[in-house]
PDB file of N, CA and C in Angstrom:
ATOM      1  N   MET A   1     118.172  93.407  98.798  1.00  0.00           N
ATOM      2  CA  MET A   1     117.988  92.516  99.925  1.00  0.00           C
ATOM      3  C   MET A   1     116.598  92.764 100.507  1.00  0.00           C
ATOM      4  N   LEU A   2     115.963  91.718 100.966  1.00  0.00           N
ATOM      5  CA  LEU A   2     114.640  91.832 101.570  1.00  0.00           C
ATOM      6  C   LEU A   2     114.770  91.970 103.085  1.00  0.00           C
ATOM      7  N   TYR A   3     114.053  92.927 103.630  1.00  0.00           N
ATOM      8  CA  TYR A   3     114.017  93.153 105.071  1.00  0.00           C
ATOM      9  C   TYR A   3     112.588  92.975 105.562  1.00  0.00           C
ATOM     10  N   VAL A   4     112.455  92.296 106.687  1.00  0.00           N
ATOM     11  CA  VAL A   4     111.180  92.197 107.384  1.00  0.00           C
ATOM     12  C   VAL A   4     111.331  93.033 108.644  1.00  0.00           C
ATOM     13  N   VAL A   5     110.448  94.003 108.806  1.00  0.00           N
ATOM     14  CA  VAL A   5     110.499  94.890 109.971  1.00  0.00           C
ATOM     15  C   VAL A   5     109.186  94.736 110.725  1.00  0.00           C
ATOM     16  N   CYS A   6     109.296  94.409 112.007  1.00  0.00           N
ATOM     17  CA  CYS A   6     108.100  94.310 112.840  1.00  0.00           C
ATOM     18  C   CYS A   6     108.374  95.046 114.150  1.00  0.00           C
ATOM     19  N   TYR A   7     107.324  95.569 114.718  1.00  0.00           N
ATOM     20  CA  TYR A   7     107.527  96.398 115.905  1.00  0.00           C
ATOM     21  C   TYR A   7     106.355  96.319 116.866  1.00  0.00           C
ATOM     22  N   ASP A   8     106.663  96.679 118.098  1.00  0.00           N
ATOM     23  CA  ASP A   8     105.681  96.852 119.159  1.00  0.00           C
ATOM     24  C   ASP A   8     106.037  98.189 119.797  1.00  0.00           C
ATOM     25  N   ILE A   9     105.286  99.215 119.453  1.00  0.00           N
ATOM     26  CA  ILE A   9     105.567 100.578 119.903  1.00  0.00           C
ATOM     27  C   ILE A   9     104.538 100.955 120.965  1.00  0.00           C
ATOM     28  N   ALA A  10     105.003 101.384 122.125  1.00  0.00           N
ATOM     29  CA  ALA A  10     104.136 101.642 123.272  1.00  0.00           C
ATOM     30  C   ALA A  10     103.220 102.859 123.092  1.00  0.00           C
ATOM     31  N   ASP A  11     103.695 103.898 122.454  1.00  0.00           N
ATOM     32  CA  ASP A  11     102.964 105.162 122.335  1.00  0.00           C
ATOM     33  C   ASP A  11     102.277 105.259 120.965  1.00  0.00           C
ATOM     34  N   ASP A  12     101.008 105.667 120.958  1.00  0.00           N
ATOM     35  CA  ASP A  12     100.242 105.751 119.710  1.00  0.00           C
ATOM     36  C   ASP A  12     100.873 106.693 118.688  1.00  0.00           C
ATOM     37  N   GLN A  13     101.312 107.865 119.129  1.00  0.00           N
ATOM     38  CA  GLN A  13     101.913 108.838 118.197  1.00  0.00           C
ATOM     39  C   GLN A  13     103.229 108.313 117.623  1.00  0.00           C
ATOM     40  N   ARG A  14     104.061 107.723 118.462  1.00  0.00           N
ATOM     41  CA  ARG A  14     105.312 107.140 117.966  1.00  0.00           C
ATOM     42  C   ARG A  14     105.029 106.019 116.985  1.00  0.00           C
ATOM     43  N   ARG A  15     104.043 105.176 117.321  1.00  0.00           N
ATOM     44  CA  ARG A  15     103.680 104.061 116.440  1.00  0.00           C
ATOM     45  C   ARG A  15     103.241 104.580 115.076  1.00  0.00           C
ATOM     46  N   GLN A  16     102.468 105.635 115.070  1.00  0.00           N
ATOM     47  CA  GLN A  16     102.010 106.220 113.809  1.00  0.00           C
ATOM     48  C   GLN A  16     103.183 106.796 113.009  1.00  0.00           C
ATOM     49  N   ARG A  17     104.117 107.438 113.690  1.00  0.00           N
ATOM     50  CA  ARG A  17     105.299 107.985 112.994  1.00  0.00           C
ATOM     51  C   ARG A  17     106.168 106.874 112.425  1.00  0.00           C
ATOM     52  N   VAL A  18     106.312 105.787 113.169  1.00  0.00           N
ATOM     53  CA  VAL A  18     107.103 104.654 112.665  1.00  0.00           C
ATOM     54  C   VAL A  18     106.415 104.041 111.451  1.00  0.00           C
ATOM     55  N   ALA A  19     105.101 103.856 111.519  1.00  0.00           N
ATOM     56  CA  ALA A  19     104.364 103.285 110.383  1.00  0.00           C
ATOM     57  C   ALA A  19     104.499 104.178 109.154  1.00  0.00           C
ATOM     58  N   GLN A  20     104.354 105.489 109.326  1.00  0.00           N
ATOM     59  CA  GLN A  20     104.494 106.422 108.196  1.00  0.00           C
ATOM     60  C   GLN A  20     105.900 106.354 107.616  1.00  0.00           C
ATOM     61  N   ALA A  21     106.894 106.278 108.473  1.00  0.00           N
ATOM     62  CA  ALA A  21     108.279 106.186 108.003  1.00  0.00           C
ATOM     63  C   ALA A  21     108.494 104.898 107.224  1.00  0.00           C
ATOM     64  N   MET A  22     107.959 103.790 107.725  1.00  0.00           N
ATOM     65  CA  MET A  22     108.152 102.507 107.053  1.00  0.00           C
ATOM     66  C   MET A  22     107.494 102.469 105.689  1.00  0.00           C
ATOM     67  N   LEU A  23     106.415 103.211 105.500  1.00  0.00           N
ATOM     68  CA  LEU A  23     105.777 103.267 104.183  1.00  0.00           C
ATOM     69  C   LEU A  23     106.697 103.904 103.137  1.00  0.00           C
ATOM     70  N   ASP A  24     107.677 104.687 103.585  1.00  0.00           N
ATOM     71  CA  ASP A  24     108.667 105.260 102.662  1.00  0.00           C
ATOM     72  C   ASP A  24     109.664 104.209 102.177  1.00  0.00           C
ATOM     73  N   TYR A  25     109.738 103.069 102.863  1.00  0.00           N
ATOM     74  CA  TYR A  25     110.741 102.057 102.538  1.00  0.00           C
ATOM     75  C   TYR A  25     110.155 100.751 102.013  1.00  0.00           C
ATOM     76  N   GLY A  26     108.920 100.444 102.384  1.00  0.00           N
ATOM     77  CA  GLY A  26     108.385  99.157 101.986  1.00  0.00           C
ATOM     78  C   GLY A  26     106.879  99.099 102.055  1.00  0.00           C
ATOM     79  N   SER A  27     106.356  97.883 102.046  1.00  0.00           N
ATOM     80  CA  SER A  27     104.916  97.630 102.040  1.00  0.00           C
ATOM     81  C   SER A  27     104.481  97.033 103.364  1.00  0.00           C
ATOM     82  N   ARG A  28     103.335  97.482 103.813  1.00  0.00           N
ATOM     83  CA  ARG A  28     102.762  96.920 105.041  1.00  0.00           C
ATOM     84  C   ARG A  28     102.103  95.597 104.681  1.00  0.00           C
ATOM     85  N   ILE A  29     102.462  94.542 105.418  1.00  0.00           N
ATOM     86  CA  ILE A  29     101.832  93.246 105.173  1.00  0.00           C
ATOM     87  C   ILE A  29     100.926  92.845 106.332  1.00  0.00           C
ATOM     88  N   GLN A  30     101.126  93.444 107.495  1.00  0.00           N
ATOM     89  CA  GLN A  30     100.216  93.327 108.628  1.00  0.00           C
ATOM     90  C   GLN A  30     100.324  94.632 109.394  1.00  0.00           C
ATOM     91  N   GLU A  31      99.510  94.781 110.431  1.00  0.00           N
ATOM     92  CA  GLU A  31      99.467  96.064 111.150  1.00  0.00           C
ATOM     93  C   GLU A  31     100.849  96.609 111.517  1.00  0.00           C
ATOM     94  N   SER A  32     101.681  95.790 112.086  1.00  0.00           N
ATOM     95  CA  SER A  32     102.996  96.251 112.544  1.00  0.00           C
ATOM     96  C   SER A  32     104.124  95.472 111.887  1.00  0.00           C
ATOM     97  N   VAL A  33     103.906  95.035 110.648  1.00  0.00           N
ATOM     98  CA  VAL A  33     104.916  94.261 109.922  1.00  0.00           C
ATOM     99  C   VAL A  33     105.036  94.801 108.501  1.00  0.00           C
ATOM    100  N   PHE A  34     106.278  95.050 108.090  1.00  0.00           N
ATOM    101  CA  PHE A  34     106.545  95.588 106.756  1.00  0.00           C
ATOM    102  C   PHE A  34     107.584  94.739 106.044  1.00  0.00           C
ATOM    103  N   LEU A  35     107.480  94.674 104.721  1.00  0.00           N
ATOM    104  CA  LEU A  35     108.509  94.096 103.870  1.00  0.00           C
ATOM    105  C   LEU A  35     109.133  95.228 103.073  1.00  0.00           C
ATOM    106  N   ALA A  36     110.461  95.220 102.993  1.00  0.00           N
ATOM    107  CA  ALA A  36     111.158  96.274 102.258  1.00  0.00           C
ATOM    108  C   ALA A  36     112.318  95.674 101.465  1.00  0.00           C
ATOM    109  N   HIS A  37     112.347  95.932 100.162  1.00  0.00           N
ATOM    110  CA  HIS A  37     113.461  95.535  99.301  1.00  0.00           C
ATOM    111  C   HIS A  37     114.395  96.739  99.218  1.00  0.00           C
ATOM    112  N   LEU A  38     115.558  96.640  99.864  1.00  0.00           N
ATOM    113  CA  LEU A  38     116.444  97.795  99.987  1.00  0.00           C
ATOM    114  C   LEU A  38     117.883  97.419  99.677  1.00  0.00           C
ATOM    115  N   ASP A  39     118.624  98.405  99.160  1.00  0.00           N
ATOM    116  CA  ASP A  39     120.066  98.211  99.031  1.00  0.00           C
ATOM    117  C   ASP A  39     120.704  98.625 100.356  1.00  0.00           C
ATOM    118  N   GLU A  40     122.013  98.499 100.450  1.00  0.00           N
ATOM    119  CA  GLU A  40     122.709  98.792 101.715  1.00  0.00           C
ATOM    120  C   GLU A  40     122.502 100.242 102.169  1.00  0.00           C
ATOM    121  N   GLU A  41     122.572 101.187 101.235  1.00  0.00           N
ATOM    122  CA  GLU A  41     122.421 102.599 101.597  1.00  0.00           C
ATOM    123  C   GLU A  41     121.035 102.881 102.168  1.00  0.00           C
ATOM    124  N   LEU A  42     119.991 102.409 101.469  1.00  0.00           N
ATOM    125  CA  LEU A  42     118.632 102.656 101.948  1.00  0.00           C
ATOM    126  C   LEU A  42     118.349 101.926 103.257  1.00  0.00           C
ATOM    127  N   SER A  43     118.891 100.741 103.423  1.00  0.00           N
ATOM    128  CA  SER A  43     118.663 100.034 104.685  1.00  0.00           C
ATOM    129  C   SER A  43     119.322 100.785 105.839  1.00  0.00           C
ATOM    130  N   GLY A  44     120.484 101.372 105.585  1.00  0.00           N
ATOM    131  CA  GLY A  44     121.134 102.189 106.610  1.00  0.00           C
ATOM    132  C   GLY A  44     120.316 103.410 106.974  1.00  0.00           C
ATOM    133  N   ARG A  45     119.734 104.049 105.961  1.00  0.00           N
ATOM    134  CA  ARG A  45     118.864 105.204 106.224  1.00  0.00           C
ATOM    135  C   ARG A  45     117.634 104.798 107.024  1.00  0.00           C
ATOM    136  N   MET A  46     117.038 103.653 106.653  1.00  0.00           N
ATOM    137  CA  MET A  46     115.864 103.177 107.371  1.00  0.00           C
ATOM    138  C   MET A  46     116.200 102.923 108.842  1.00  0.00           C
ATOM    139  N   MET A  47     117.317 102.241 109.086  1.00  0.00           N
ATOM    140  CA  MET A  47     117.711 101.940 110.460  1.00  0.00           C
ATOM    141  C   MET A  47     117.950 103.225 111.261  1.00  0.00           C
ATOM    142  N   ALA A  48     118.630 104.192 110.664  1.00  0.00           N
ATOM    143  CA  ALA A  48     118.891 105.454 111.364  1.00  0.00           C
ATOM    144  C   ALA A  48     117.584 106.172 111.683  1.00  0.00           C
ATOM    145  N   ARG A  49     116.671 106.159 110.737  1.00  0.00           N
ATOM    146  CA  ARG A  49     115.381 106.830 110.957  1.00  0.00           C
ATOM    147  C   ARG A  49     114.598 106.131 112.065  1.00  0.00           C
ATOM    148  N   LEU A  50     114.579 104.813 112.055  1.00  0.00           N
ATOM    149  CA  LEU A  50     113.877 104.086 113.112  1.00  0.00           C
ATOM    150  C   LEU A  50     114.482 104.379 114.475  1.00  0.00           C
ATOM    151  N   ARG A  51     115.793 104.428 114.540  1.00  0.00           N
ATOM    152  CA  ARG A  51     116.457 104.724 115.826  1.00  0.00           C
ATOM    153  C   ARG A  51     116.043 106.091 116.363  1.00  0.00           C
ATOM    154  N   ARG A  52     115.868 107.062 115.455  1.00  0.00           N
ATOM    155  CA  ARG A  52     115.454 108.413 115.878  1.00  0.00           C
ATOM    156  C   ARG A  52     114.004 108.438 116.350  1.00  0.00           C
ATOM    157  N   LEU A  53     113.165 107.581 115.784  1.00  0.00           N
ATOM    158  CA  LEU A  53     111.733 107.637 116.066  1.00  0.00           C
ATOM    159  C   LEU A  53     111.302 106.874 117.312  1.00  0.00           C
ATOM    160  N   ILE A  54     112.012 105.850 117.683  1.00  0.00           N
ATOM    161  CA  ILE A  54     111.542 105.002 118.782  1.00  0.00           C
ATOM    162  C   ILE A  54     112.118 105.427 120.133  1.00  0.00           C
ATOM    163  N   SER A  55     111.516 104.900 121.174  1.00  0.00           N
ATOM    164  CA  SER A  55     112.044 105.043 122.528  1.00  0.00           C
ATOM    165  C   SER A  55     112.806 103.769 122.863  1.00  0.00           C
ATOM    166  N   GLU A  56     114.097 103.904 123.134  1.00  0.00           N
ATOM    167  CA  GLU A  56     114.919 102.728 123.471  1.00  0.00           C
ATOM    168  C   GLU A  56     114.434 102.037 124.744  1.00  0.00           C
ATOM    169  N   LEU A  57     113.753 102.790 125.607  1.00  0.00           N
ATOM    170  CA  LEU A  57     113.305 102.238 126.887  1.00  0.00           C
ATOM    171  C   LEU A  57     111.937 101.574 126.821  1.00  0.00           C
ATOM    172  N   GLU A  58     111.113 101.922 125.827  1.00  0.00           N
ATOM    173  CA  GLU A  58     109.741 101.434 125.806  1.00  0.00           C
ATOM    174  C   GLU A  58     109.365 100.586 124.595  1.00  0.00           C
ATOM    175  N   ASP A  59     110.065 100.738 123.492  1.00  0.00           N
ATOM    176  CA  ASP A  59     109.634 100.125 122.232  1.00  0.00           C
ATOM    177  C   ASP A  59     110.511  98.945 121.840  1.00  0.00           C
ATOM    178  N   ARG A  60     109.928  98.097 120.990  1.00  0.00           N
ATOM    179  CA  ARG A  60     110.679  96.958 120.437  1.00  0.00           C
ATOM    180  C   ARG A  60     110.531  96.971 118.925  1.00  0.00           C
ATOM    181  N   VAL A  61     111.650  96.895 118.227  1.00  0.00           N
ATOM    182  CA  VAL A  61     111.653  96.810 116.768  1.00  0.00           C
ATOM    183  C   VAL A  61     112.590  95.673 116.381  1.00  0.00           C
ATOM    184  N   HIS A  62     112.110  94.789 115.517  1.00  0.00           N
ATOM    185  CA  HIS A  62     112.937  93.710 114.988  1.00  0.00           C
ATOM    186  C   HIS A  62     113.099  93.934 113.496  1.00  0.00           C
ATOM    187  N   VAL A  63     114.325  93.853 113.020  1.00  0.00           N
ATOM    188  CA  VAL A  63     114.624  93.976 111.595  1.00  0.00           C
ATOM    189  C   VAL A  63     115.361  92.703 111.185  1.00  0.00           C
ATOM    190  N   PHE A  64     114.749  91.957 110.274  1.00  0.00           N
ATOM    191  CA  PHE A  64     115.330  90.707 109.795  1.00  0.00           C
ATOM    192  C   PHE A  64     115.736  90.892 108.336  1.00  0.00           C
ATOM    193  N   ARG A  65     116.987  90.629 108.043  1.00  0.00           N
ATOM    194  CA  ARG A  65     117.477  90.693 106.672  1.00  0.00           C
ATOM    195  C   ARG A  65     117.479  89.281 106.100  1.00  0.00           C
ATOM    196  N   LEU A  66     116.791  89.099 104.977  1.00  0.00           N
ATOM    197  CA  LEU A  66     116.686  87.780 104.361  1.00  0.00           C
ATOM    198  C   LEU A  66     117.538  87.718 103.106  1.00  0.00           C
ATOM    199  N   CYS A  67     118.342  86.684 103.005  1.00  0.00           N
ATOM    200  CA  CYS A  67     119.134  86.478 101.794  1.00  0.00           C
ATOM    201  C   CYS A  67     118.199  86.025 100.673  1.00  0.00           C
ATOM    202  N   GLN A  68     118.692  85.988  99.446  1.00  0.00           N
ATOM    203  CA  GLN A  68     117.859  85.591  98.316  1.00  0.00           C
ATOM    204  C   GLN A  68     117.326  84.171  98.484  1.00  0.00           C
ATOM    205  N   ALA A  69     118.144  83.278  98.989  1.00  0.00           N
ATOM    206  CA  ALA A  69     117.698  81.904  99.183  1.00  0.00           C
ATOM    207  C   ALA A  69     116.558  81.846 100.200  1.00  0.00           C
ATOM    208  N   CYS A  70     116.690  82.586 101.299  1.00  0.00           N
ATOM    209  CA  CYS A  70     115.641  82.599 102.325  1.00  0.00           C
ATOM    210  C   CYS A  70     114.366  83.252 101.793  1.00  0.00           C
ATOM    211  N   GLU A  71     114.528  84.315 101.028  1.00  0.00           N
ATOM    212  CA  GLU A  71     113.372  84.995 100.452  1.00  0.00           C
ATOM    213  C   GLU A  71     112.584  84.039  99.561  1.00  0.00           C
ATOM    214  N   GLY A  72     113.285  83.220  98.818  1.00  0.00           N
ATOM    215  CA  GLY A  72     112.637  82.261  97.939  1.00  0.00           C
ATOM    216  C   GLY A  72     111.888  81.170  98.675  1.00  0.00           C
ATOM    217  N   GLU A  73     112.218  80.950  99.935  1.00  0.00           N
ATOM    218  CA  GLU A  73     111.565  79.922 100.744  1.00  0.00           C
ATOM    219  C   GLU A  73     110.371  80.447 101.533  1.00  0.00           C
ATOM    220  N   ALA A  74     110.088  81.748 101.445  1.00  0.00           N
ATOM    221  CA  ALA A  74     108.983  82.333 102.196  1.00  0.00           C
ATOM    222  C   ALA A  74     107.652  81.736 101.736  1.00  0.00           C
ATOM    223  N   VAL A  75     106.763  81.523 102.677  1.00  0.00           N
ATOM    224  CA  VAL A  75     105.455  80.929 102.404  1.00  0.00           C
ATOM    225  C   VAL A  75     104.385  81.897 102.886  1.00  0.00           C
ATOM    226  N   ALA A  76     103.351  82.091 102.083  1.00  0.00           N
ATOM    227  CA  ALA A  76     102.204  82.909 102.472  1.00  0.00           C
ATOM    228  C   ALA A  76     100.962  82.027 102.444  1.00  0.00           C
ATOM    229  N   LEU A  77     100.186  82.067 103.504  1.00  0.00           N
ATOM    230  CA  LEU A  77      98.987  81.238 103.611  1.00  0.00           C
ATOM    231  C   LEU A  77      97.739  82.110 103.698  1.00  0.00           C
ATOM    232  N   GLY A  78      96.611  81.537 103.352  1.00  0.00           N
ATOM    233  CA  GLY A  78      95.349  82.272 103.446  1.00  0.00           C
ATOM    234  C   GLY A  78      95.346  83.467 102.516  1.00  0.00           C
ATOM    235  N   GLN A  79      94.966  84.607 103.028  1.00  0.00           N
ATOM    236  CA  GLN A  79      94.883  85.837 102.238  1.00  0.00           C
ATOM    237  C   GLN A  79      96.236  86.539 102.107  1.00  0.00           C
ATOM    238  N   ALA A  80      97.252  86.008 102.764  1.00  0.00           N
ATOM    239  CA  ALA A  80      98.579  86.632 102.726  1.00  0.00           C
ATOM    240  C   ALA A  80      99.184  86.500 101.342  1.00  0.00           C
ATOM    241  N   GLU A  81     100.027  87.446 100.996  1.00  0.00           N
ATOM    242  CA  GLU A  81     100.758  87.377  99.738  1.00  0.00           C
ATOM    243  C   GLU A  81     102.176  87.854  99.948  1.00  0.00           C
ATOM    244  N   ILE A  82     103.095  87.294  99.199  1.00  0.00           N
ATOM    245  CA  ILE A  82     104.488  87.732  99.249  1.00  0.00           C
ATOM    246  C   ILE A  82     104.648  88.755  98.140  1.00  0.00           C
ATOM    247  N   ARG A  83     104.927  89.963  98.509  1.00  0.00           N
ATOM    248  CA  ARG A  83     105.060  91.035  97.524  1.00  0.00           C
ATOM    249  C   ARG A  83     106.480  91.084  97.010  1.00  0.00           C
ATOM    250  N   ARG A  84     106.595  91.174  95.742  1.00  0.00           N
ATOM    251  CA  ARG A  84     107.898  91.258  95.090  1.00  0.00           C
ATOM    252  C   ARG A  84     108.013  92.598  94.390  1.00  0.00           C
ATOM    253  N   ASP A  85     109.247  93.096  94.276  1.00  0.00           N
ATOM    254  CA  ASP A  85     109.465  94.320  93.508  1.00  0.00           C
ATOM    255  C   ASP A  85     109.123  94.076  92.057  1.00  0.00           C
ATOM    256  N   SER A  86     108.557  95.076  91.389  1.00  0.00           N
ATOM    257  CA  SER A  86     108.305  94.941  89.961  1.00  0.00           C
ATOM    258  C   SER A  86     109.612  95.021  89.191  1.00  0.00           C
ATOM    259  N   ASP A  87     109.562  94.528  87.985  1.00  0.00           N
ATOM    260  CA  ASP A  87     110.742  94.556  87.137  1.00  0.00           C
ATOM    261  C   ASP A  87     111.081  95.958  86.684  1.00  0.00           C
ATOM    262  N   TYR A  88     110.112  96.864  86.784  1.00  0.00           N
ATOM    263  CA  TYR A  88     110.336  98.245  86.360  1.00  0.00           C
ATOM    264  C   TYR A  88     109.524  99.174  87.264  1.00  0.00           C
ATOM    265  N   ILE A  89     109.911 100.428  87.263  1.00  0.00           N
ATOM    266  CA  ILE A  89     109.234 101.443  88.058  1.00  0.00           C
ATOM    267  C   ILE A  89     108.776 102.546  87.110  1.00  0.00           C
ATOM    268  N   ILE A  90     107.515 102.945  87.212  1.00  0.00           N
ATOM    269  CA  ILE A  90     107.002 104.028  86.383  1.00  0.00           C
ATOM    270  C   ILE A  90     107.107 105.312  87.186  1.00  0.00           C
ATOM    271  N   ILE A  91     107.747 106.311  86.586  1.00  0.00           N
ATOM    272  CA  ILE A  91     107.926 107.603  87.274  1.00  0.00           C
ATOM    273  C   ILE A  91     107.105 108.654  86.554  1.00  0.00           C
TER     274      ILE A  91
END
């Protein structure tokens, strides 16, 4: 499943920790926006980690789960690109 995660984090250190954490799950497509292709288990881990990192009183995080049909309708304009998982992973 494709997840779009975007955030507005009030504190610089928290924002940096959230960005570093998100790099473990997906790709940065803009400063505070990430795309992540995750299964249910990994998405649960990501959500739990984000909850630990943010301040419930000061920060805003939006997580949008896109179905396959919605993912196929995504449009990228200008220099933007829609990143897709590769068919294989080299380890």
